[in-house]
Amino acid sequence: MTTVVVRKDKEGSYKGFYCMGHAEYARKGKPDILCAAISALTIGTVNSLDELAGEKITVASDEKTGFLKCDFEGILHEKSSFLMDSMVFSLENLSREYGRKYLQVKFEEV
């Protein structure tokens, strides 16, 4: 299962997110469409925040374990918050569609 934890402060501003694990939706040895979708959304968001929005971020990852962590320095610009809203919206839809036993989206106050 993949768990995505979205981190926000008390005011509701995004502070970062991290992902852990592989969805394991597909049978072993077969391409996993859910894992690919999660990766596309999370990595695409990280790349967009960095390259398109110019946010200062710190990223750590481990492809083997399915770990991705992205921390934000300071408060995100409005367009960057919209990118995060879009990622969260899409991940929550995937969780509903494929099931929480494969993908869980959680929120953490920091």
N, C-alpha and C. Protein backbone atom coordinates (compact mmCIF):
# COMPACT_ATOMS: atom_id res chain seq x y z
N MET A 1 0.83 -1.18 0.00
CA MET A 1 0.00 0.00 0.00
C MET A 1 0.88 1.25 0.00
N THR A 2 0.40 2.28 -0.69
CA THR A 2 1.06 3.58 -0.67
C THR A 2 0.31 4.49 0.28
N THR A 3 1.05 5.17 1.11
CA THR A 3 0.48 6.19 1.99
C THR A 3 1.09 7.52 1.59
N VAL A 4 0.24 8.50 1.35
CA VAL A 4 0.70 9.86 1.07
C VAL A 4 0.26 10.72 2.24
N VAL A 5 1.22 11.38 2.87
CA VAL A 5 0.93 12.25 4.01
C VAL A 5 1.20 13.68 3.59
N VAL A 6 0.16 14.50 3.63
CA VAL A 6 0.24 15.91 3.26
C VAL A 6 0.38 16.70 4.56
N ARG A 7 1.42 17.51 4.62
CA ARG A 7 1.73 18.26 5.84
C ARG A 7 1.31 19.72 5.68
N LYS A 8 0.51 20.19 6.67
CA LYS A 8 0.06 21.59 6.68
C LYS A 8 0.29 22.18 8.06
N ASP A 9 0.41 23.53 8.11
CA ASP A 9 0.52 24.19 9.40
C ASP A 9 -0.88 24.51 9.95
N LYS A 10 -0.94 25.15 11.11
CA LYS A 10 -2.22 25.44 11.76
C LYS A 10 -3.11 26.36 10.93
N GLU A 11 -2.49 27.18 10.10
CA GLU A 11 -3.25 28.10 9.25
C GLU A 11 -3.73 27.43 7.96
N GLY A 12 -3.33 26.18 7.73
CA GLY A 12 -3.76 25.46 6.53
C GLY A 12 -2.81 25.59 5.35
N SER A 13 -1.65 26.20 5.56
CA SER A 13 -0.67 26.34 4.48
C SER A 13 0.12 25.04 4.33
N TYR A 14 0.35 24.66 3.10
CA TYR A 14 1.13 23.45 2.82
C TYR A 14 2.57 23.63 3.28
N LYS A 15 3.11 22.61 3.94
CA LYS A 15 4.50 22.61 4.37
C LYS A 15 5.31 21.52 3.66
N GLY A 16 4.62 20.58 3.02
CA GLY A 16 5.29 19.51 2.29
C GLY A 16 4.43 18.27 2.25
N PHE A 17 5.01 17.19 1.74
CA PHE A 17 4.32 15.90 1.72
C PHE A 17 5.35 14.80 1.59
N TYR A 18 4.92 13.59 1.93
CA TYR A 18 5.78 12.43 1.69
C TYR A 18 4.92 11.22 1.35
N CYS A 19 5.51 10.32 0.59
CA CYS A 19 4.86 9.08 0.15
C CYS A 19 5.72 7.92 0.61
N MET A 20 5.03 6.85 0.97
CA MET A 20 5.74 5.65 1.41
C MET A 20 5.07 4.43 0.82
N GLY A 21 5.86 3.50 0.32
CA GLY A 21 5.37 2.20 -0.10
C GLY A 21 4.93 2.14 -1.55
N HIS A 22 4.69 0.93 -1.98
CA HIS A 22 4.19 0.65 -3.33
C HIS A 22 2.74 0.21 -3.22
N ALA A 23 1.93 0.60 -4.18
CA ALA A 23 0.50 0.31 -4.14
C ALA A 23 0.21 -1.19 -4.14
N GLU A 24 0.97 -1.95 -4.91
CA GLU A 24 0.78 -3.40 -5.05
C GLU A 24 -0.64 -3.72 -5.54
N TYR A 25 -1.15 -2.89 -6.44
CA TYR A 25 -2.46 -3.12 -7.04
C TYR A 25 -2.40 -4.25 -8.06
N ALA A 26 -1.34 -4.27 -8.86
CA ALA A 26 -1.17 -5.30 -9.89
C ALA A 26 -0.50 -6.54 -9.29
N ARG A 27 -0.67 -7.64 -9.96
CA ARG A 27 0.01 -8.87 -9.54
C ARG A 27 1.52 -8.70 -9.68
N LYS A 28 2.24 -9.40 -8.84
CA LYS A 28 3.70 -9.32 -8.84
C LYS A 28 4.25 -9.60 -10.24
N GLY A 29 5.15 -8.74 -10.69
CA GLY A 29 5.76 -8.89 -12.01
C GLY A 29 5.02 -8.20 -13.13
N LYS A 30 3.81 -7.69 -12.85
CA LYS A 30 3.01 -6.98 -13.86
C LYS A 30 3.10 -5.48 -13.63
N PRO A 31 2.94 -4.69 -14.68
CA PRO A 31 2.96 -3.23 -14.51
C PRO A 31 1.81 -2.79 -13.59
N ASP A 32 2.12 -1.92 -12.67
CA ASP A 32 1.13 -1.46 -11.70
C ASP A 32 0.65 -0.07 -12.09
N ILE A 33 -0.55 0.00 -12.67
CA ILE A 33 -1.09 1.26 -13.17
C ILE A 33 -1.33 2.26 -12.04
N LEU A 34 -1.72 1.78 -10.87
CA LEU A 34 -1.96 2.68 -9.75
C LEU A 34 -0.66 3.29 -9.24
N CYS A 35 0.36 2.46 -9.10
CA CYS A 35 1.67 2.96 -8.66
C CYS A 35 2.20 4.00 -9.67
N ALA A 36 2.01 3.72 -10.94
CA ALA A 36 2.45 4.65 -11.98
C ALA A 36 1.70 5.98 -11.88
N ALA A 37 0.40 5.92 -11.62
CA ALA A 37 -0.41 7.14 -11.51
C ALA A 37 0.03 7.96 -10.29
N ILE A 38 0.26 7.29 -9.17
CA ILE A 38 0.71 7.99 -7.97
C ILE A 38 2.06 8.65 -8.22
N SER A 39 2.96 7.94 -8.85
CA SER A 39 4.28 8.49 -9.17
C SER A 39 4.17 9.68 -10.11
N ALA A 40 3.35 9.56 -11.13
CA ALA A 40 3.19 10.67 -12.08
C ALA A 40 2.66 11.92 -11.38
N LEU A 41 1.69 11.74 -10.50
CA LEU A 41 1.12 12.89 -9.79
C LEU A 41 2.11 13.53 -8.83
N THR A 42 2.77 12.71 -8.03
CA THR A 42 3.66 13.26 -7.00
C THR A 42 4.94 13.83 -7.61
N ILE A 43 5.56 13.08 -8.50
CA ILE A 43 6.81 13.57 -9.12
C ILE A 43 6.52 14.74 -10.03
N GLY A 44 5.40 14.69 -10.75
CA GLY A 44 5.01 15.82 -11.60
C GLY A 44 4.78 17.08 -10.79
N THR A 45 4.18 16.94 -9.62
CA THR A 45 3.96 18.10 -8.75
C THR A 45 5.28 18.65 -8.24
N VAL A 46 6.18 17.78 -7.80
CA VAL A 46 7.50 18.22 -7.34
C VAL A 46 8.22 18.98 -8.45
N ASN A 47 8.23 18.41 -9.65
CA ASN A 47 8.92 19.06 -10.77
C ASN A 47 8.27 20.40 -11.12
N SER A 48 6.95 20.47 -11.08
CA SER A 48 6.25 21.72 -11.39
C SER A 48 6.52 22.79 -10.33
N LEU A 49 6.52 22.39 -9.07
CA LEU A 49 6.82 23.34 -8.00
C LEU A 49 8.23 23.91 -8.17
N ASP A 50 9.14 23.07 -8.55
CA ASP A 50 10.54 23.48 -8.71
C ASP A 50 10.74 24.30 -9.99
N GLU A 51 10.41 23.72 -11.12
CA GLU A 51 10.74 24.33 -12.42
C GLU A 51 9.77 25.41 -12.88
N LEU A 52 8.47 25.19 -12.69
CA LEU A 52 7.48 26.15 -13.20
C LEU A 52 7.14 27.25 -12.20
N ALA A 53 7.02 26.87 -10.92
CA ALA A 53 6.62 27.84 -9.91
C ALA A 53 7.81 28.48 -9.21
N GLY A 54 9.01 27.89 -9.34
CA GLY A 54 10.20 28.46 -8.74
C GLY A 54 10.25 28.39 -7.22
N GLU A 55 9.53 27.43 -6.65
CA GLU A 55 9.54 27.29 -5.18
C GLU A 55 10.86 26.70 -4.72
N LYS A 56 11.24 27.06 -3.51
CA LYS A 56 12.43 26.47 -2.89
C LYS A 56 11.97 25.23 -2.13
N ILE A 57 12.43 24.07 -2.60
CA ILE A 57 12.00 22.81 -2.00
C ILE A 57 13.21 21.92 -1.73
N THR A 58 13.03 21.00 -0.81
CA THR A 58 14.03 19.97 -0.54
C THR A 58 13.37 18.63 -0.82
N VAL A 59 14.04 17.80 -1.61
CA VAL A 59 13.46 16.53 -2.03
C VAL A 59 14.39 15.39 -1.67
N ALA A 60 13.80 14.30 -1.19
CA ALA A 60 14.52 13.06 -0.94
C ALA A 60 13.67 11.93 -1.50
N SER A 61 14.33 10.90 -2.04
CA SER A 61 13.56 9.79 -2.60
C SER A 61 14.36 8.49 -2.57
N ASP A 62 13.61 7.40 -2.62
CA ASP A 62 14.18 6.06 -2.72
C ASP A 62 13.19 5.23 -3.54
N GLU A 63 13.50 5.06 -4.82
CA GLU A 63 12.60 4.38 -5.74
C GLU A 63 12.30 2.95 -5.30
N LYS A 64 13.29 2.29 -4.74
CA LYS A 64 13.13 0.89 -4.34
C LYS A 64 12.03 0.72 -3.29
N THR A 65 11.99 1.62 -2.32
CA THR A 65 11.00 1.52 -1.24
C THR A 65 9.74 2.34 -1.52
N GLY A 66 9.74 3.11 -2.61
CA GLY A 66 8.59 3.94 -2.93
C GLY A 66 8.49 5.19 -2.07
N PHE A 67 9.64 5.67 -1.58
CA PHE A 67 9.66 6.84 -0.71
C PHE A 67 9.94 8.10 -1.51
N LEU A 68 9.15 9.13 -1.26
CA LEU A 68 9.38 10.46 -1.83
C LEU A 68 8.98 11.48 -0.78
N LYS A 69 9.87 12.40 -0.48
CA LYS A 69 9.58 13.46 0.49
C LYS A 69 9.90 14.80 -0.13
N CYS A 70 8.99 15.74 0.03
CA CYS A 70 9.18 17.09 -0.49
C CYS A 70 8.81 18.08 0.61
N ASP A 71 9.78 18.89 1.04
CA ASP A 71 9.55 19.91 2.06
C ASP A 71 9.63 21.28 1.40
N PHE A 72 8.75 22.18 1.84
CA PHE A 72 8.71 23.53 1.28
C PHE A 72 9.39 24.50 2.23
N GLU A 73 10.17 25.39 1.66
CA GLU A 73 10.80 26.45 2.44
C GLU A 73 9.89 27.67 2.38
N GLY A 74 9.30 28.03 3.50
CA GLY A 74 8.42 29.19 3.53
C GLY A 74 7.02 28.85 3.04
N ILE A 75 6.26 29.92 2.80
CA ILE A 75 4.87 29.78 2.36
C ILE A 75 4.83 29.72 0.85
N LEU A 76 4.03 28.80 0.32
CA LEU A 76 3.92 28.64 -1.13
C LEU A 76 3.18 29.81 -1.76
N HIS A 77 3.54 30.12 -3.00
CA HIS A 77 2.80 31.09 -3.78
C HIS A 77 1.42 30.50 -4.08
N GLU A 78 0.48 31.35 -4.46
CA GLU A 78 -0.89 30.92 -4.73
C GLU A 78 -0.94 29.83 -5.81
N LYS A 79 -0.17 30.00 -6.89
CA LYS A 79 -0.19 29.00 -7.96
C LYS A 79 0.37 27.67 -7.48
N SER A 80 1.29 27.70 -6.55
CA SER A 80 1.88 26.47 -6.01
C SER A 80 0.88 25.76 -5.10
N SER A 81 0.12 26.52 -4.33
CA SER A 81 -0.93 25.93 -3.50
C SER A 81 -1.97 25.25 -4.38
N PHE A 82 -2.27 25.88 -5.52
CA PHE A 82 -3.20 25.27 -6.47
C PHE A 82 -2.66 23.96 -7.02
N LEU A 83 -1.36 23.90 -7.31
CA LEU A 83 -0.74 22.64 -7.75
C LEU A 83 -0.89 21.56 -6.68
N MET A 84 -0.68 21.92 -5.44
CA MET A 84 -0.84 20.96 -4.34
C MET A 84 -2.30 20.54 -4.19
N ASP A 85 -3.23 21.50 -4.29
CA ASP A 85 -4.65 21.17 -4.23
C ASP A 85 -5.01 20.16 -5.31
N SER A 86 -4.48 20.37 -6.50
CA SER A 86 -4.75 19.48 -7.62
C SER A 86 -4.19 18.08 -7.37
N MET A 87 -2.96 18.00 -6.85
CA MET A 87 -2.36 16.70 -6.55
C MET A 87 -3.19 15.95 -5.50
N VAL A 88 -3.54 16.65 -4.43
CA VAL A 88 -4.32 16.03 -3.35
C VAL A 88 -5.68 15.57 -3.87
N PHE A 89 -6.35 16.41 -4.63
CA PHE A 89 -7.65 16.06 -5.22
C PHE A 89 -7.54 14.79 -6.06
N SER A 90 -6.53 14.73 -6.91
CA SER A 90 -6.35 13.57 -7.79
C SER A 90 -6.01 12.31 -7.01
N LEU A 91 -5.14 12.43 -6.00
CA LEU A 91 -4.79 11.27 -5.19
C LEU A 91 -5.99 10.75 -4.40
N GLU A 92 -6.79 11.66 -3.86
CA GLU A 92 -7.99 11.24 -3.12
C GLU A 92 -8.98 10.53 -4.05
N ASN A 93 -9.10 11.00 -5.28
CA ASN A 93 -9.97 10.33 -6.25
C ASN A 93 -9.45 8.93 -6.57
N LEU A 94 -8.14 8.79 -6.74
CA LEU A 94 -7.56 7.46 -6.98
C LEU A 94 -7.81 6.53 -5.81
N SER A 95 -7.69 7.05 -4.59
CA SER A 95 -7.92 6.25 -3.40
C SER A 95 -9.36 5.74 -3.36
N ARG A 96 -10.30 6.60 -3.70
CA ARG A 96 -11.71 6.19 -3.73
C ARG A 96 -11.96 5.16 -4.83
N GLU A 97 -11.36 5.39 -5.99
CA GLU A 97 -11.60 4.52 -7.14
C GLU A 97 -10.96 3.13 -6.99
N TYR A 98 -9.73 3.08 -6.51
CA TYR A 98 -9.01 1.81 -6.43
C TYR A 98 -9.08 1.16 -5.05
N GLY A 99 -9.38 1.94 -4.04
CA GLY A 99 -9.53 1.40 -2.69
C GLY A 99 -8.43 1.83 -1.74
N ARG A 100 -8.83 2.02 -0.49
CA ARG A 100 -7.89 2.47 0.54
C ARG A 100 -6.89 1.38 0.92
N LYS A 101 -7.13 0.15 0.51
CA LYS A 101 -6.13 -0.88 0.83
C LYS A 101 -4.91 -0.75 -0.08
N TYR A 102 -5.02 0.08 -1.14
CA TYR A 102 -3.90 0.31 -2.05
C TYR A 102 -3.30 1.71 -1.91
N LEU A 103 -4.15 2.70 -1.58
CA LEU A 103 -3.69 4.09 -1.47
C LEU A 103 -4.47 4.81 -0.38
N GLN A 104 -3.73 5.40 0.55
CA GLN A 104 -4.34 6.23 1.59
C GLN A 104 -3.70 7.60 1.55
N VAL A 105 -4.56 8.62 1.63
CA VAL A 105 -4.10 10.00 1.70
C VAL A 105 -4.45 10.52 3.09
N LYS A 106 -3.43 10.99 3.79
CA LYS A 106 -3.61 11.47 5.16
C LYS A 106 -3.08 12.90 5.27
N PHE A 107 -3.51 13.57 6.33
CA PHE A 107 -3.07 14.94 6.59
C PHE A 107 -2.43 15.00 7.96
N GLU A 108 -1.38 15.81 8.07
CA GLU A 108 -0.63 15.94 9.31
C GLU A 108 -0.41 17.43 9.58
N GLU A 109 -0.72 17.84 10.79
CA GLU A 109 -0.48 19.24 11.16
C GLU A 109 0.92 19.35 11.75
N VAL A 110 1.68 20.32 11.22
CA VAL A 110 3.05 20.53 11.70
C VAL A 110 3.22 21.92 12.27
